[in-house]
Structure formats: structure tokens, C-alpha cells
Amino acid sequence: MTLFAILLLVALLIAVLAVLAMGLVNLVKTSDAEQRGEGEGPSDRALKSNKLMWYRIYLQLAAVGVIALLLLFASASGN
């Protein structure tokens, strides 16, 4: 069970890094007009950036949950 949790944690951390990298690439591609807020409503890139941010938050929450479970298992086993 502990090995599964560790592998799950590693997978979650890799996913967090991947989503973070995708968000940074999306940010770099943002044009000057989008940064100044020209146009009506949020741009497609801004909406994508917001969605990526929420994915990263959910993945980080899952990773923290797995860390909490690992700590719970470690304290229960006396390690």
C-alpha cells in the first residue's frame, strides 16, 4: 500500500510540473494586446490559463492528501 501511495505521489508531482509548464508556455504566448486587456471579455488564452491554474490546484491538493496518508500510515506503523 505504501509503495502504491509513493508511486501515486510521484505521478501527481510530475503531473503538477507538466501543468505548470503548460501554463508558463501559455503565458509566454500571450500577446501585448491581451496583456493590456484590449477587446471584449477575457481572451481564449486567459480562459485556458485560468483552467490550467485550477488543474494545478486540484493536483496539488491530491498530492498533499497522499502525503497526509503516507504520514498517517507511517505514524500508525510506528516508523
PDB file of N, CA and C in Angstrom:
ATOM      1  N   MET A   1       0.826  -1.203   0.000  1.00  0.00           N
ATOM      2  CA  MET A   1       0.000   0.000   0.000  1.00  0.00           C
ATOM      3  C   MET A   1       0.869   1.266   0.000  1.00  0.00           C
ATOM      4  N   THR A   2       1.948   1.226   0.793  1.00  0.00           N
ATOM      5  CA  THR A   2       2.821   2.389   0.860  1.00  0.00           C
ATOM      6  C   THR A   2       3.521   2.621  -0.473  1.00  0.00           C
ATOM      7  N   LEU A   3       3.945   1.545  -1.125  1.00  0.00           N
ATOM      8  CA  LEU A   3       4.597   1.679  -2.429  1.00  0.00           C
ATOM      9  C   LEU A   3       3.635   2.302  -3.439  1.00  0.00           C
ATOM     10  N   PHE A   4       2.388   1.868  -3.417  1.00  0.00           N
ATOM     11  CA  PHE A   4       1.387   2.442  -4.321  1.00  0.00           C
ATOM     12  C   PHE A   4       1.214   3.928  -4.051  1.00  0.00           C
ATOM     13  N   ALA A   5       1.158   4.317  -2.783  1.00  0.00           N
ATOM     14  CA  ALA A   5       0.985   5.735  -2.434  1.00  0.00           C
ATOM     15  C   ALA A   5       2.190   6.561  -2.873  1.00  0.00           C
ATOM     16  N   ILE A   6       3.381   6.002  -2.739  1.00  0.00           N
ATOM     17  CA  ILE A   6       4.577   6.728  -3.167  1.00  0.00           C
ATOM     18  C   ILE A   6       4.586   6.894  -4.680  1.00  0.00           C
ATOM     19  N   LEU A   7       4.245   5.837  -5.403  1.00  0.00           N
ATOM     20  CA  LEU A   7       4.185   5.935  -6.867  1.00  0.00           C
ATOM     21  C   LEU A   7       3.097   6.914  -7.312  1.00  0.00           C
ATOM     22  N   LEU A   8       1.977   6.905  -6.613  1.00  0.00           N
ATOM     23  CA  LEU A   8       0.908   7.858  -6.913  1.00  0.00           C
ATOM     24  C   LEU A   8       1.376   9.285  -6.650  1.00  0.00           C
ATOM     25  N   LEU A   9       2.106   9.495  -5.560  1.00  0.00           N
ATOM     26  CA  LEU A   9       2.630  10.820  -5.244  1.00  0.00           C
ATOM     27  C   LEU A   9       3.604  11.295  -6.322  1.00  0.00           C
ATOM     28  N   VAL A  10       4.476  10.419  -6.768  1.00  0.00           N
ATOM     29  CA  VAL A  10       5.425  10.790  -7.823  1.00  0.00           C
ATOM     30  C   VAL A  10       4.677  11.152  -9.103  1.00  0.00           C
ATOM     31  N   ALA A  11       3.661  10.365  -9.442  1.00  0.00           N
ATOM     32  CA  ALA A  11       2.869  10.658 -10.639  1.00  0.00           C
ATOM     33  C   ALA A  11       2.151  11.997 -10.509  1.00  0.00           C
ATOM     34  N   LEU A  12       1.619  12.288  -9.336  1.00  0.00           N
ATOM     35  CA  LEU A  12       0.943  13.564  -9.115  1.00  0.00           C
ATOM     36  C   LEU A  12       1.915  14.729  -9.214  1.00  0.00           C
ATOM     37  N   LEU A  13       3.110  14.574  -8.659  1.00  0.00           N
ATOM     38  CA  LEU A  13       4.094  15.648  -8.728  1.00  0.00           C
ATOM     39  C   LEU A  13       4.549  15.901 -10.168  1.00  0.00           C
ATOM     40  N   ILE A  14       4.705  14.841 -10.940  1.00  0.00           N
ATOM     41  CA  ILE A  14       5.050  15.004 -12.357  1.00  0.00           C
ATOM     42  C   ILE A  14       3.920  15.706 -13.088  1.00  0.00           C
ATOM     43  N   ALA A  15       2.671  15.349 -12.767  1.00  0.00           N
ATOM     44  CA  ALA A  15       1.519  15.995 -13.397  1.00  0.00           C
ATOM     45  C   ALA A  15       1.460  17.477 -13.024  1.00  0.00           C
ATOM     46  N   VAL A  16       1.761  17.808 -11.772  1.00  0.00           N
ATOM     47  CA  VAL A  16       1.781  19.215 -11.356  1.00  0.00           C
ATOM     48  C   VAL A  16       2.820  19.983 -12.164  1.00  0.00           C
ATOM     49  N   LEU A  17       4.009  19.410 -12.308  1.00  0.00           N
ATOM     50  CA  LEU A  17       5.059  20.074 -13.082  1.00  0.00           C
ATOM     51  C   LEU A  17       4.661  20.232 -14.550  1.00  0.00           C
ATOM     52  N   ALA A  18       4.003  19.226 -15.110  1.00  0.00           N
ATOM     53  CA  ALA A  18       3.575  19.305 -16.504  1.00  0.00           C
ATOM     54  C   ALA A  18       2.536  20.406 -16.704  1.00  0.00           C
ATOM     55  N   VAL A  19       1.559  20.480 -15.807  1.00  0.00           N
ATOM     56  CA  VAL A  19       0.524  21.514 -15.923  1.00  0.00           C
ATOM     57  C   VAL A  19       1.132  22.896 -15.699  1.00  0.00           C
ATOM     58  N   LEU A  20       2.080  22.993 -14.765  1.00  0.00           N
ATOM     59  CA  LEU A  20       2.763  24.262 -14.536  1.00  0.00           C
ATOM     60  C   LEU A  20       3.523  24.694 -15.785  1.00  0.00           C
ATOM     61  N   ALA A  21       4.219  23.759 -16.433  1.00  0.00           N
ATOM     62  CA  ALA A  21       4.951  24.081 -17.657  1.00  0.00           C
ATOM     63  C   ALA A  21       3.990  24.511 -18.767  1.00  0.00           C
ATOM     64  N   MET A  22       2.853  23.833 -18.878  1.00  0.00           N
ATOM     65  CA  MET A  22       1.864  24.210 -19.891  1.00  0.00           C
ATOM     66  C   MET A  22       1.342  25.619 -19.623  1.00  0.00           C
ATOM     67  N   GLY A  23       1.128  25.946 -18.371  1.00  0.00           N
ATOM     68  CA  GLY A  23       0.663  27.283 -18.008  1.00  0.00           C
ATOM     69  C   GLY A  23       1.694  28.352 -18.329  1.00  0.00           C
ATOM     70  N   LEU A  24       2.968  28.041 -18.078  1.00  0.00           N
ATOM     71  CA  LEU A  24       4.022  29.005 -18.387  1.00  0.00           C
ATOM     72  C   LEU A  24       4.164  29.217 -19.887  1.00  0.00           C
ATOM     73  N   VAL A  25       4.058  28.139 -20.660  1.00  0.00           N
ATOM     74  CA  VAL A  25       4.108  28.262 -22.119  1.00  0.00           C
ATOM     75  C   VAL A  25       2.933  29.100 -22.602  1.00  0.00           C
ATOM     76  N   ASN A  26       1.759  28.873 -22.039  1.00  0.00           N
ATOM     77  CA  ASN A  26       0.579  29.655 -22.406  1.00  0.00           C
ATOM     78  C   ASN A  26       0.784  31.130 -22.056  1.00  0.00           C
ATOM     79  N   LEU A  27       1.417  31.407 -20.927  1.00  0.00           N
ATOM     80  CA  LEU A  27       1.673  32.780 -20.512  1.00  0.00           C
ATOM     81  C   LEU A  27       2.646  33.474 -21.464  1.00  0.00           C
ATOM     82  N   VAL A  28       3.676  32.745 -21.896  1.00  0.00           N
ATOM     83  CA  VAL A  28       4.665  33.328 -22.806  1.00  0.00           C
ATOM     84  C   VAL A  28       4.040  33.681 -24.147  1.00  0.00           C
ATOM     85  N   LYS A  29       3.065  32.914 -24.577  1.00  0.00           N
ATOM     86  CA  LYS A  29       2.422  33.151 -25.870  1.00  0.00           C
ATOM     87  C   LYS A  29       1.406  34.290 -25.846  1.00  0.00           C
ATOM     88  N   THR A  30       1.155  34.855 -24.670  1.00  0.00           N
ATOM     89  CA  THR A  30       0.188  35.932 -24.546  1.00  0.00           C
ATOM     90  C   THR A  30       0.695  37.179 -25.267  1.00  0.00           C
ATOM     91  N   SER A  31      -0.169  37.774 -26.071  1.00  0.00           N
ATOM     92  CA  SER A  31       0.238  38.959 -26.837  1.00  0.00           C
ATOM     93  C   SER A  31       0.144  40.219 -25.972  1.00  0.00           C
ATOM     94  N   ASP A  32       0.734  41.293 -26.471  1.00  0.00           N
ATOM     95  CA  ASP A  32       0.684  42.570 -25.753  1.00  0.00           C
ATOM     96  C   ASP A  32      -0.740  43.089 -25.635  1.00  0.00           C
ATOM     97  N   ALA A  33      -1.536  42.912 -26.689  1.00  0.00           N
ATOM     98  CA  ALA A  33      -2.919  43.385 -26.658  1.00  0.00           C
ATOM     99  C   ALA A  33      -3.721  42.657 -25.590  1.00  0.00           C
ATOM    100  N   GLU A  34      -3.461  41.360 -25.430  1.00  0.00           N
ATOM    101  CA  GLU A  34      -4.165  40.598 -24.401  1.00  0.00           C
ATOM    102  C   GLU A  34      -3.741  41.049 -23.008  1.00  0.00           C
ATOM    103  N   GLN A  35      -2.469  41.383 -22.839  1.00  0.00           N
ATOM    104  CA  GLN A  35      -1.994  41.825 -21.537  1.00  0.00           C
ATOM    105  C   GLN A  35      -2.583  43.174 -21.153  1.00  0.00           C
ATOM    106  N   ARG A  36      -2.817  44.030 -22.137  1.00  0.00           N
ATOM    107  CA  ARG A  36      -3.401  45.349 -21.852  1.00  0.00           C
ATOM    108  C   ARG A  36      -4.898  45.261 -21.629  1.00  0.00           C
ATOM    109  N   GLY A  37      -5.487  44.124 -21.934  1.00  0.00           N
ATOM    110  CA  GLY A  37      -6.917  43.959 -21.713  1.00  0.00           C
ATOM    111  C   GLY A  37      -7.776  44.512 -22.825  1.00  0.00           C
ATOM    112  N   GLU A  38      -7.187  44.660 -24.001  1.00  0.00           N
ATOM    113  CA  GLU A  38      -7.969  45.171 -25.127  1.00  0.00           C
ATOM    114  C   GLU A  38      -8.903  44.078 -25.628  1.00  0.00           C
ATOM    115  N   GLY A  39     -10.018  44.484 -26.148  1.00  0.00           N
ATOM    116  CA  GLY A  39     -11.012  43.534 -26.637  1.00  0.00           C
ATOM    117  C   GLY A  39     -12.119  43.363 -25.617  1.00  0.00           C
ATOM    118  N   GLU A  40     -13.098  42.581 -26.005  1.00  0.00           N
ATOM    119  CA  GLU A  40     -14.255  42.372 -25.130  1.00  0.00           C
ATOM    120  C   GLU A  40     -14.117  41.056 -24.393  1.00  0.00           C
ATOM    121  N   GLY A  41     -14.263  41.114 -23.104  1.00  0.00           N
ATOM    122  CA  GLY A  41     -14.229  39.905 -22.288  1.00  0.00           C
ATOM    123  C   GLY A  41     -12.855  39.274 -22.236  1.00  0.00           C
ATOM    124  N   PRO A  42     -12.763  38.180 -21.500  1.00  0.00           N
ATOM    125  CA  PRO A  42     -11.472  37.501 -21.395  1.00  0.00           C
ATOM    126  C   PRO A  42     -11.118  36.791 -22.704  1.00  0.00           C
ATOM    127  N   SER A  43      -9.835  36.762 -23.018  1.00  0.00           N
ATOM    128  CA  SER A  43      -9.391  36.091 -24.244  1.00  0.00           C
ATOM    129  C   SER A  43      -9.401  34.580 -24.037  1.00  0.00           C
ATOM    130  N   ASP A  44      -9.304  33.861 -25.140  1.00  0.00           N
ATOM    131  CA  ASP A  44      -9.252  32.399 -25.054  1.00  0.00           C
ATOM    132  C   ASP A  44      -8.022  31.950 -24.268  1.00  0.00           C
ATOM    133  N   ARG A  45      -6.924  32.667 -24.453  1.00  0.00           N
ATOM    134  CA  ARG A  45      -5.697  32.316 -23.753  1.00  0.00           C
ATOM    135  C   ARG A  45      -5.845  32.555 -22.247  1.00  0.00           C
ATOM    136  N   ALA A  46      -6.537  33.605 -21.873  1.00  0.00           N
ATOM    137  CA  ALA A  46      -6.768  33.873 -20.450  1.00  0.00           C
ATOM    138  C   ALA A  46      -7.658  32.795 -19.835  1.00  0.00           C
ATOM    139  N   LEU A  47      -8.663  32.365 -20.573  1.00  0.00           N
ATOM    140  CA  LEU A  47      -9.532  31.299 -20.080  1.00  0.00           C
ATOM    141  C   LEU A  47      -8.762  29.989 -19.928  1.00  0.00           C
ATOM    142  N   LYS A  48      -7.885  29.709 -20.903  1.00  0.00           N
ATOM    143  CA  LYS A  48      -7.072  28.498 -20.821  1.00  0.00           C
ATOM    144  C   LYS A  48      -6.114  28.573 -19.641  1.00  0.00           C
ATOM    145  N   SER A  49      -5.533  29.740 -19.408  1.00  0.00           N
ATOM    146  CA  SER A  49      -4.625  29.928 -18.297  1.00  0.00           C
ATOM    147  C   SER A  49      -5.338  29.697 -16.967  1.00  0.00           C
ATOM    148  N   ASN A  50      -6.553  30.195 -16.855  1.00  0.00           N
ATOM    149  CA  ASN A  50      -7.337  30.009 -15.643  1.00  0.00           C
ATOM    150  C   ASN A  50      -7.658  28.530 -15.427  1.00  0.00           C
ATOM    151  N   LYS A  51      -8.018  27.836 -16.497  1.00  0.00           N
ATOM    152  CA  LYS A  51      -8.340  26.411 -16.393  1.00  0.00           C
ATOM    153  C   LYS A  51      -7.106  25.612 -15.966  1.00  0.00           C
ATOM    154  N   LEU A  52      -5.947  25.942 -16.540  1.00  0.00           N
ATOM    155  CA  LEU A  52      -4.713  25.250 -16.170  1.00  0.00           C
ATOM    156  C   LEU A  52      -4.359  25.509 -14.707  1.00  0.00           C
ATOM    157  N   MET A  53      -4.607  26.731 -14.236  1.00  0.00           N
ATOM    158  CA  MET A  53      -4.329  27.049 -12.844  1.00  0.00           C
ATOM    159  C   MET A  53      -5.194  26.185 -11.931  1.00  0.00           C
ATOM    160  N   TRP A  54      -6.460  26.011 -12.258  1.00  0.00           N
ATOM    161  CA  TRP A  54      -7.337  25.192 -11.425  1.00  0.00           C
ATOM    162  C   TRP A  54      -6.919  23.722 -11.459  1.00  0.00           C
ATOM    163  N   TYR A  55      -6.487  23.225 -12.624  1.00  0.00           N
ATOM    164  CA  TYR A  55      -5.985  21.846 -12.695  1.00  0.00           C
ATOM    165  C   TYR A  55      -4.787  21.671 -11.770  1.00  0.00           C
ATOM    166  N   ARG A  56      -3.889  22.670 -11.782  1.00  0.00           N
ATOM    167  CA  ARG A  56      -2.700  22.599 -10.923  1.00  0.00           C
ATOM    168  C   ARG A  56      -3.095  22.595  -9.453  1.00  0.00           C
ATOM    169  N   ILE A  57      -4.071  23.405  -9.090  1.00  0.00           N
ATOM    170  CA  ILE A  57      -4.526  23.452  -7.698  1.00  0.00           C
ATOM    171  C   ILE A  57      -5.109  22.101  -7.282  1.00  0.00           C
ATOM    172  N   TYR A  58      -5.925  21.496  -8.134  1.00  0.00           N
ATOM    173  CA  TYR A  58      -6.518  20.192  -7.811  1.00  0.00           C
ATOM    174  C   TYR A  58      -5.442  19.116  -7.672  1.00  0.00           C
ATOM    175  N   LEU A  59      -4.456  19.141  -8.566  1.00  0.00           N
ATOM    176  CA  LEU A  59      -3.384  18.155  -8.491  1.00  0.00           C
ATOM    177  C   LEU A  59      -2.542  18.347  -7.231  1.00  0.00           C
ATOM    178  N   GLN A  60      -2.291  19.595  -6.870  1.00  0.00           N
ATOM    179  CA  GLN A  60      -1.538  19.859  -5.640  1.00  0.00           C
ATOM    180  C   GLN A  60      -2.324  19.406  -4.418  1.00  0.00           C
ATOM    181  N   LEU A  61      -3.618  19.610  -4.416  1.00  0.00           N
ATOM    182  CA  LEU A  61      -4.460  19.152  -3.311  1.00  0.00           C
ATOM    183  C   LEU A  61      -4.399  17.630  -3.192  1.00  0.00           C
ATOM    184  N   ALA A  62      -4.450  16.944  -4.321  1.00  0.00           N
ATOM    185  CA  ALA A  62      -4.358  15.481  -4.305  1.00  0.00           C
ATOM    186  C   ALA A  62      -2.997  15.033  -3.780  1.00  0.00           C
ATOM    187  N   ALA A  63      -1.927  15.724  -4.183  1.00  0.00           N
ATOM    188  CA  ALA A  63      -0.586  15.371  -3.714  1.00  0.00           C
ATOM    189  C   ALA A  63      -0.464  15.575  -2.207  1.00  0.00           C
ATOM    190  N   VAL A  64      -1.001  16.663  -1.697  1.00  0.00           N
ATOM    191  CA  VAL A  64      -0.969  16.909  -0.254  1.00  0.00           C
ATOM    192  C   VAL A  64      -1.775  15.839   0.477  1.00  0.00           C
ATOM    193  N   GLY A  65      -2.886  15.417  -0.096  1.00  0.00           N
ATOM    194  CA  GLY A  65      -3.676  14.339   0.501  1.00  0.00           C
ATOM    195  C   GLY A  65      -2.913  13.031   0.568  1.00  0.00           C
ATOM    196  N   VAL A  66      -2.178  12.710  -0.490  1.00  0.00           N
ATOM    197  CA  VAL A  66      -1.377  11.486  -0.489  1.00  0.00           C
ATOM    198  C   VAL A  66      -0.256  11.588   0.539  1.00  0.00           C
ATOM    199  N   ILE A  67       0.367  12.750   0.653  1.00  0.00           N
ATOM    200  CA  ILE A  67       1.407  12.949   1.670  1.00  0.00           C
ATOM    201  C   ILE A  67       0.815  12.760   3.065  1.00  0.00           C
ATOM    202  N   ALA A  68      -0.375  13.289   3.292  1.00  0.00           N
ATOM    203  CA  ALA A  68      -1.028  13.127   4.588  1.00  0.00           C
ATOM    204  C   ALA A  68      -1.309  11.644   4.877  1.00  0.00           C
ATOM    205  N   LEU A  69      -1.747  10.901   3.869  1.00  0.00           N
ATOM    206  CA  LEU A  69      -1.988   9.468   4.060  1.00  0.00           C
ATOM    207  C   LEU A  69      -0.695   8.729   4.349  1.00  0.00           C
ATOM    208  N   LEU A  70       0.388   9.082   3.649  1.00  0.00           N
ATOM    209  CA  LEU A  70       1.676   8.457   3.914  1.00  0.00           C
ATOM    210  C   LEU A  70       2.142   8.715   5.350  1.00  0.00           C
ATOM    211  N   LEU A  71       1.969   9.947   5.805  1.00  0.00           N
ATOM    212  CA  LEU A  71       2.337  10.269   7.176  1.00  0.00           C
ATOM    213  C   LEU A  71       1.459   9.523   8.187  1.00  0.00           C
ATOM    214  N   LEU A  72       0.178   9.375   7.859  1.00  0.00           N
ATOM    215  CA  LEU A  72      -0.732   8.640   8.731  1.00  0.00           C
ATOM    216  C   LEU A  72      -0.324   7.182   8.810  1.00  0.00           C
ATOM    217  N   PHE A  73       0.004   6.571   7.680  1.00  0.00           N
ATOM    218  CA  PHE A  73       0.432   5.179   7.666  1.00  0.00           C
ATOM    219  C   PHE A  73       1.748   5.009   8.432  1.00  0.00           C
ATOM    220  N   ALA A  74       2.667   5.968   8.268  1.00  0.00           N
ATOM    221  CA  ALA A  74       3.959   5.879   8.946  1.00  0.00           C
ATOM    222  C   ALA A  74       3.795   5.992  10.467  1.00  0.00           C
ATOM    223  N   SER A  75       2.912   6.867  10.905  1.00  0.00           N
ATOM    224  CA  SER A  75       2.719   7.028  12.352  1.00  0.00           C
ATOM    225  C   SER A  75       1.968   5.827  12.932  1.00  0.00           C
ATOM    226  N   ALA A  76       1.085   5.229  12.153  1.00  0.00           N
ATOM    227  CA  ALA A  76       0.335   4.068  12.651  1.00  0.00           C
ATOM    228  C   ALA A  76       1.216   2.831  12.768  1.00  0.00           C
ATOM    229  N   SER A  77       2.213   2.730  11.872  1.00  0.00           N
ATOM    230  CA  SER A  77       3.093   1.563  11.906  1.00  0.00           C
ATOM    231  C   SER A  77       4.252   1.746  12.878  1.00  0.00           C
ATOM    232  N   GLY A  78       4.421   2.950  13.420  1.00  0.00           N
ATOM    233  CA  GLY A  78       5.450   3.192  14.411  1.00  0.00           C
ATOM    234  C   GLY A  78       6.799   3.527  13.824  1.00  0.00           C
ATOM    235  N   ASN A  79       6.867   3.890  12.557  1.00  0.00           N
ATOM    236  CA  ASN A  79       8.159   4.233  11.926  1.00  0.00           C
ATOM    237  C   ASN A  79       8.495   5.662  12.166  1.00  0.00           C
TER     238      ASN A  79
END
